[in-house]
Amino acid sequence: MMGHVVIVGIGNMGSAIAERLLSRGHRVTVYNRTRDTCLPLEAKGARIADDLSNALTDSQVVISVLYD
């Protein structure tokens, strides 16, 4: 298994990064203020974190893609 990557901010760019990492075999956890935004990625194998501190647990890499 590849590394565990957390992506915070699931907009256009965060989603694209998550999809690419999932397709390459990485374990991906996603977090967004609006949980429903993460659902398409969950269907592709990502884990959705319920809160930010939970998202960061056991991560090797954190990618933050936030607008503001």
PDB file of N, CA and C in Angstrom:
ATOM      1  N   MET A   1       0.857  -1.189   0.000  1.00  0.00           N
ATOM      2  CA  MET A   1       0.000   0.000   0.000  1.00  0.00           C
ATOM      3  C   MET A   1       0.888   1.232   0.000  1.00  0.00           C
ATOM      4  N   MET A   2       0.480   2.216  -0.734  1.00  0.00           N
ATOM      5  CA  MET A   2       1.200   3.479  -0.800  1.00  0.00           C
ATOM      6  C   MET A   2       0.927   4.275   0.472  1.00  0.00           C
ATOM      7  N   GLY A   3       1.388   5.502   0.522  1.00  0.00           N
ATOM      8  CA  GLY A   3       1.261   6.339   1.694  1.00  0.00           C
ATOM      9  C   GLY A   3      -0.152   6.834   1.960  1.00  0.00           C
ATOM     10  N   HIS A   4      -0.347   7.353   3.163  1.00  0.00           N
ATOM     11  CA  HIS A   4      -1.625   7.915   3.578  1.00  0.00           C
ATOM     12  C   HIS A   4      -1.567   9.425   3.400  1.00  0.00           C
ATOM     13  N   VAL A   5      -2.452   9.934   2.553  1.00  0.00           N
ATOM     14  CA  VAL A   5      -2.492  11.354   2.232  1.00  0.00           C
ATOM     15  C   VAL A   5      -3.824  11.931   2.690  1.00  0.00           C
ATOM     16  N   VAL A   6      -3.766  13.089   3.328  1.00  0.00           N
ATOM     17  CA  VAL A   6      -4.970  13.802   3.738  1.00  0.00           C
ATOM     18  C   VAL A   6      -5.090  15.043   2.865  1.00  0.00           C
ATOM     19  N   ILE A   7      -6.279  15.273   2.341  1.00  0.00           N
ATOM     20  CA  ILE A   7      -6.530  16.472   1.552  1.00  0.00           C
ATOM     21  C   ILE A   7      -7.616  17.270   2.258  1.00  0.00           C
ATOM     22  N   VAL A   8      -7.274  18.502   2.580  1.00  0.00           N
ATOM     23  CA  VAL A   8      -8.202  19.412   3.249  1.00  0.00           C
ATOM     24  C   VAL A   8      -8.616  20.464   2.224  1.00  0.00           C
ATOM     25  N   GLY A   9      -9.895  20.484   1.921  1.00  0.00           N
ATOM     26  CA  GLY A   9     -10.417  21.396   0.912  1.00  0.00           C
ATOM     27  C   GLY A   9     -10.716  20.648  -0.365  1.00  0.00           C
ATOM     28  N   ILE A  10     -11.963  20.282  -0.544  1.00  0.00           N
ATOM     29  CA  ILE A  10     -12.351  19.448  -1.674  1.00  0.00           C
ATOM     30  C   ILE A  10     -13.169  20.272  -2.672  1.00  0.00           C
ATOM     31  N   GLY A  11     -12.490  21.195  -3.313  1.00  0.00           N
ATOM     32  CA  GLY A  11     -13.090  21.928  -4.423  1.00  0.00           C
ATOM     33  C   GLY A  11     -12.614  21.294  -5.712  1.00  0.00           C
ATOM     34  N   ASN A  12     -12.543  22.086  -6.763  1.00  0.00           N
ATOM     35  CA  ASN A  12     -12.095  21.549  -8.054  1.00  0.00           C
ATOM     36  C   ASN A  12     -10.693  20.964  -7.978  1.00  0.00           C
ATOM     37  N   MET A  13      -9.769  21.704  -7.392  1.00  0.00           N
ATOM     38  CA  MET A  13      -8.390  21.239  -7.342  1.00  0.00           C
ATOM     39  C   MET A  13      -8.203  20.102  -6.342  1.00  0.00           C
ATOM     40  N   GLY A  14      -8.780  20.234  -5.143  1.00  0.00           N
ATOM     41  CA  GLY A  14      -8.651  19.183  -4.141  1.00  0.00           C
ATOM     42  C   GLY A  14      -9.242  17.863  -4.610  1.00  0.00           C
ATOM     43  N   SER A  15     -10.375  17.921  -5.286  1.00  0.00           N
ATOM     44  CA  SER A  15     -10.999  16.703  -5.825  1.00  0.00           C
ATOM     45  C   SER A  15     -10.113  16.040  -6.871  1.00  0.00           C
ATOM     46  N   ALA A  16      -9.556  16.862  -7.768  1.00  0.00           N
ATOM     47  CA  ALA A  16      -8.692  16.317  -8.819  1.00  0.00           C
ATOM     48  C   ALA A  16      -7.458  15.647  -8.227  1.00  0.00           C
ATOM     49  N   ILE A  17      -6.866  16.276  -7.224  1.00  0.00           N
ATOM     50  CA  ILE A  17      -5.696  15.687  -6.572  1.00  0.00           C
ATOM     51  C   ILE A  17      -6.070  14.373  -5.905  1.00  0.00           C
ATOM     52  N   ALA A  18      -7.185  14.362  -5.196  1.00  0.00           N
ATOM     53  CA  ALA A  18      -7.631  13.147  -4.507  1.00  0.00           C
ATOM     54  C   ALA A  18      -7.883  12.011  -5.498  1.00  0.00           C
ATOM     55  N   GLU A  19      -8.551  12.307  -6.588  1.00  0.00           N
ATOM     56  CA  GLU A  19      -8.835  11.277  -7.593  1.00  0.00           C
ATOM     57  C   GLU A  19      -7.543  10.701  -8.165  1.00  0.00           C
ATOM     58  N   ARG A  20      -6.592  11.556  -8.437  1.00  0.00           N
ATOM     59  CA  ARG A  20      -5.314  11.095  -8.997  1.00  0.00           C
ATOM     60  C   ARG A  20      -4.576  10.202  -7.999  1.00  0.00           C
ATOM     61  N   LEU A  21      -4.537  10.614  -6.744  1.00  0.00           N
ATOM     62  CA  LEU A  21      -3.859   9.809  -5.725  1.00  0.00           C
ATOM     63  C   LEU A  21      -4.554   8.462  -5.528  1.00  0.00           C
ATOM     64  N   LEU A  22      -5.882   8.470  -5.515  1.00  0.00           N
ATOM     65  CA  LEU A  22      -6.624   7.212  -5.386  1.00  0.00           C
ATOM     66  C   LEU A  22      -6.321   6.279  -6.551  1.00  0.00           C
ATOM     67  N   SER A  23      -6.249   6.837  -7.751  1.00  0.00           N
ATOM     68  CA  SER A  23      -5.989   6.003  -8.933  1.00  0.00           C
ATOM     69  C   SER A  23      -4.579   5.418  -8.912  1.00  0.00           C
ATOM     70  N   ARG A  24      -3.677   6.029  -8.146  1.00  0.00           N
ATOM     71  CA  ARG A  24      -2.301   5.547  -8.024  1.00  0.00           C
ATOM     72  C   ARG A  24      -2.099   4.639  -6.818  1.00  0.00           C
ATOM     73  N   GLY A  25      -3.184   4.329  -6.103  1.00  0.00           N
ATOM     74  CA  GLY A  25      -3.100   3.366  -5.008  1.00  0.00           C
ATOM     75  C   GLY A  25      -2.844   3.939  -3.633  1.00  0.00           C
ATOM     76  N   HIS A  26      -2.883   5.256  -3.498  1.00  0.00           N
ATOM     77  CA  HIS A  26      -2.673   5.861  -2.181  1.00  0.00           C
ATOM     78  C   HIS A  26      -3.941   5.745  -1.334  1.00  0.00           C
ATOM     79  N   ARG A  27      -3.738   5.704  -0.041  1.00  0.00           N
ATOM     80  CA  ARG A  27      -4.849   5.758   0.904  1.00  0.00           C
ATOM     81  C   ARG A  27      -5.113   7.243   1.141  1.00  0.00           C
ATOM     82  N   VAL A  28      -6.345   7.670   0.847  1.00  0.00           N
ATOM     83  CA  VAL A  28      -6.670   9.095   0.885  1.00  0.00           C
ATOM     84  C   VAL A  28      -7.806   9.352   1.866  1.00  0.00           C
ATOM     85  N   THR A  29      -7.597  10.344   2.730  1.00  0.00           N
ATOM     86  CA  THR A  29      -8.640  10.848   3.609  1.00  0.00           C
ATOM     87  C   THR A  29      -8.928  12.269   3.177  1.00  0.00           C
ATOM     88  N   VAL A  30     -10.210  12.606   3.083  1.00  0.00           N
ATOM     89  CA  VAL A  30     -10.600  13.948   2.652  1.00  0.00           C
ATOM     90  C   VAL A  30     -11.411  14.632   3.743  1.00  0.00           C
ATOM     91  N   TYR A  31     -11.267  15.954   3.797  1.00  0.00           N
ATOM     92  CA  TYR A  31     -12.047  16.757   4.732  1.00  0.00           C
ATOM     93  C   TYR A  31     -12.454  18.045   4.045  1.00  0.00           C
ATOM     94  N   ASN A  32     -13.720  18.401   4.223  1.00  0.00           N
ATOM     95  CA  ASN A  32     -14.249  19.655   3.711  1.00  0.00           C
ATOM     96  C   ASN A  32     -15.323  20.127   4.680  1.00  0.00           C
ATOM     97  N   ARG A  33     -15.490  21.439   4.794  1.00  0.00           N
ATOM     98  CA  ARG A  33     -16.543  21.965   5.680  1.00  0.00           C
ATOM     99  C   ARG A  33     -17.906  21.392   5.303  1.00  0.00           C
ATOM    100  N   THR A  34     -18.153  21.252   4.029  1.00  0.00           N
ATOM    101  CA  THR A  34     -19.405  20.674   3.541  1.00  0.00           C
ATOM    102  C   THR A  34     -19.155  19.211   3.215  1.00  0.00           C
ATOM    103  N   ARG A  35     -19.619  18.327   4.082  1.00  0.00           N
ATOM    104  CA  ARG A  35     -19.339  16.894   3.952  1.00  0.00           C
ATOM    105  C   ARG A  35     -19.827  16.326   2.630  1.00  0.00           C
ATOM    106  N   ASP A  36     -20.975  16.788   2.150  1.00  0.00           N
ATOM    107  CA  ASP A  36     -21.546  16.240   0.909  1.00  0.00           C
ATOM    108  C   ASP A  36     -20.606  16.394  -0.279  1.00  0.00           C
ATOM    109  N   THR A  37     -19.736  17.386  -0.239  1.00  0.00           N
ATOM    110  CA  THR A  37     -18.768  17.591  -1.305  1.00  0.00           C
ATOM    111  C   THR A  37     -17.818  16.404  -1.427  1.00  0.00           C
ATOM    112  N   CYS A  38     -17.615  15.689  -0.334  1.00  0.00           N
ATOM    113  CA  CYS A  38     -16.676  14.570  -0.305  1.00  0.00           C
ATOM    114  C   CYS A  38     -17.290  13.251  -0.783  1.00  0.00           C
ATOM    115  N   LEU A  39     -18.587  13.178  -0.877  1.00  0.00           N
ATOM    116  CA  LEU A  39     -19.250  11.911  -1.177  1.00  0.00           C
ATOM    117  C   LEU A  39     -18.808  11.258  -2.485  1.00  0.00           C
ATOM    118  N   PRO A  40     -18.630  12.013  -3.580  1.00  0.00           N
ATOM    119  CA  PRO A  40     -18.146  11.356  -4.804  1.00  0.00           C
ATOM    120  C   PRO A  40     -16.767  10.704  -4.632  1.00  0.00           C
ATOM    121  N   LEU A  41     -15.935  11.298  -3.791  1.00  0.00           N
ATOM    122  CA  LEU A  41     -14.617  10.709  -3.541  1.00  0.00           C
ATOM    123  C   LEU A  41     -14.715   9.476  -2.656  1.00  0.00           C
ATOM    124  N   GLU A  42     -15.668   9.469  -1.749  1.00  0.00           N
ATOM    125  CA  GLU A  42     -15.888   8.281  -0.919  1.00  0.00           C
ATOM    126  C   GLU A  42     -16.262   7.098  -1.803  1.00  0.00           C
ATOM    127  N   ALA A  43     -17.083   7.349  -2.819  1.00  0.00           N
ATOM    128  CA  ALA A  43     -17.486   6.299  -3.750  1.00  0.00           C
ATOM    129  C   ALA A  43     -16.288   5.747  -4.525  1.00  0.00           C
ATOM    130  N   LYS A  44     -15.219   6.530  -4.630  1.00  0.00           N
ATOM    131  CA  LYS A  44     -14.010   6.111  -5.343  1.00  0.00           C
ATOM    132  C   LYS A  44     -12.951   5.538  -4.410  1.00  0.00           C
ATOM    133  N   GLY A  45     -13.274   5.461  -3.105  1.00  0.00           N
ATOM    134  CA  GLY A  45     -12.364   4.820  -2.165  1.00  0.00           C
ATOM    135  C   GLY A  45     -11.763   5.701  -1.102  1.00  0.00           C
ATOM    136  N   ALA A  46     -12.056   6.987  -1.109  1.00  0.00           N
ATOM    137  CA  ALA A  46     -11.515   7.879  -0.086  1.00  0.00           C
ATOM    138  C   ALA A  46     -12.284   7.715   1.227  1.00  0.00           C
ATOM    139  N   ARG A  47     -11.611   8.011   2.304  1.00  0.00           N
ATOM    140  CA  ARG A  47     -12.246   8.041   3.626  1.00  0.00           C
ATOM    141  C   ARG A  47     -12.602   9.495   3.909  1.00  0.00           C
ATOM    142  N   ILE A  48     -13.790   9.739   4.424  1.00  0.00           N
ATOM    143  CA  ILE A  48     -14.207  11.085   4.792  1.00  0.00           C
ATOM    144  C   ILE A  48     -13.993  11.259   6.288  1.00  0.00           C
ATOM    145  N   ALA A  49     -13.271  12.298   6.655  1.00  0.00           N
ATOM    146  CA  ALA A  49     -13.057  12.616   8.071  1.00  0.00           C
ATOM    147  C   ALA A  49     -14.202  13.488   8.563  1.00  0.00           C
ATOM    148  N   ASP A  50     -14.656  13.223   9.776  1.00  0.00           N
ATOM    149  CA  ASP A  50     -15.756  13.991  10.354  1.00  0.00           C
ATOM    150  C   ASP A  50     -15.315  15.356  10.868  1.00  0.00           C
ATOM    151  N   ASP A  51     -14.061  15.465  11.263  1.00  0.00           N
ATOM    152  CA  ASP A  51     -13.534  16.760  11.712  1.00  0.00           C
ATOM    153  C   ASP A  51     -12.053  16.828  11.361  1.00  0.00           C
ATOM    154  N   LEU A  52     -11.504  18.014  11.403  1.00  0.00           N
ATOM    155  CA  LEU A  52     -10.139  18.226  10.949  1.00  0.00           C
ATOM    156  C   LEU A  52      -9.118  17.462  11.783  1.00  0.00           C
ATOM    157  N   SER A  53      -9.275  17.432  13.086  1.00  0.00           N
ATOM    158  CA  SER A  53      -8.302  16.710  13.918  1.00  0.00           C
ATOM    159  C   SER A  53      -8.331  15.219  13.618  1.00  0.00           C
ATOM    160  N   ASN A  54      -9.506  14.678  13.338  1.00  0.00           N
ATOM    161  CA  ASN A  54      -9.646  13.277  12.961  1.00  0.00           C
ATOM    162  C   ASN A  54      -8.982  13.016  11.616  1.00  0.00           C
ATOM    163  N   ALA A  55      -9.051  13.985  10.720  1.00  0.00           N
ATOM    164  CA  ALA A  55      -8.455  13.830   9.388  1.00  0.00           C
ATOM    165  C   ALA A  55      -6.943  13.664   9.467  1.00  0.00           C
ATOM    166  N   LEU A  56      -6.313  14.354  10.392  1.00  0.00           N
ATOM    167  CA  LEU A  56      -4.854  14.383  10.454  1.00  0.00           C
ATOM    168  C   LEU A  56      -4.230  13.187  11.152  1.00  0.00           C
ATOM    169  N   THR A  57      -5.043  12.365  11.785  1.00  0.00           N
ATOM    170  CA  THR A  57      -4.541  11.205  12.509  1.00  0.00           C
ATOM    171  C   THR A  57      -3.871  10.225  11.555  1.00  0.00           C
ATOM    172  N   ASP A  58      -2.648   9.848  11.863  1.00  0.00           N
ATOM    173  CA  ASP A  58      -1.916   8.822  11.124  1.00  0.00           C
ATOM    174  C   ASP A  58      -1.633   9.203   9.663  1.00  0.00           C
ATOM    175  N   SER A  59      -1.550  10.487   9.374  1.00  0.00           N
ATOM    176  CA  SER A  59      -1.273  10.892   7.991  1.00  0.00           C
ATOM    177  C   SER A  59       0.225  11.028   7.774  1.00  0.00           C
ATOM    178  N   GLN A  60       0.654  10.752   6.567  1.00  0.00           N
ATOM    179  CA  GLN A  60       2.050  10.940   6.193  1.00  0.00           C
ATOM    180  C   GLN A  60       2.246  12.267   5.473  1.00  0.00           C
ATOM    181  N   VAL A  61       1.220  12.682   4.730  1.00  0.00           N
ATOM    182  CA  VAL A  61       1.269  13.927   3.966  1.00  0.00           C
ATOM    183  C   VAL A  61      -0.075  14.620   4.096  1.00  0.00           C
ATOM    184  N   VAL A  62      -0.052  15.940   4.286  1.00  0.00           N
ATOM    185  CA  VAL A  62      -1.278  16.738   4.320  1.00  0.00           C
ATOM    186  C   VAL A  62      -1.202  17.771   3.209  1.00  0.00           C
ATOM    187  N   ILE A  63      -2.228  17.796   2.380  1.00  0.00           N
ATOM    188  CA  ILE A  63      -2.325  18.776   1.310  1.00  0.00           C
ATOM    189  C   ILE A  63      -3.512  19.675   1.624  1.00  0.00           C
ATOM    190  N   SER A  64      -3.238  20.952   1.764  1.00  0.00           N
ATOM    191  CA  SER A  64      -4.288  21.914   2.070  1.00  0.00           C
ATOM    192  C   SER A  64      -4.587  22.720   0.811  1.00  0.00           C
ATOM    193  N   VAL A  65      -5.827  22.652   0.347  1.00  0.00           N
ATOM    194  CA  VAL A  65      -6.234  23.371  -0.859  1.00  0.00           C
ATOM    195  C   VAL A  65      -7.408  24.262  -0.465  1.00  0.00           C
ATOM    196  N   LEU A  66      -7.073  25.382   0.170  1.00  0.00           N
ATOM    197  CA  LEU A  66      -8.105  26.273   0.704  1.00  0.00           C
ATOM    198  C   LEU A  66      -8.052  27.619   0.009  1.00  0.00           C
ATOM    199  N   TYR A  67      -9.198  28.160  -0.243  1.00  0.00           N
ATOM    200  CA  TYR A  67      -9.304  29.440  -0.917  1.00  0.00           C
ATOM    201  C   TYR A  67      -9.017  30.597   0.019  1.00  0.00           C
ATOM    202  N   ASP A  68      -9.554  30.516   1.210  1.00  0.00           N
ATOM    203  CA  ASP A  68      -9.501  31.669   2.086  1.00  0.00           C
ATOM    204  C   ASP A  68      -9.150  31.269   3.504  1.00  0.00           C
TER     205      ASP A  68
END
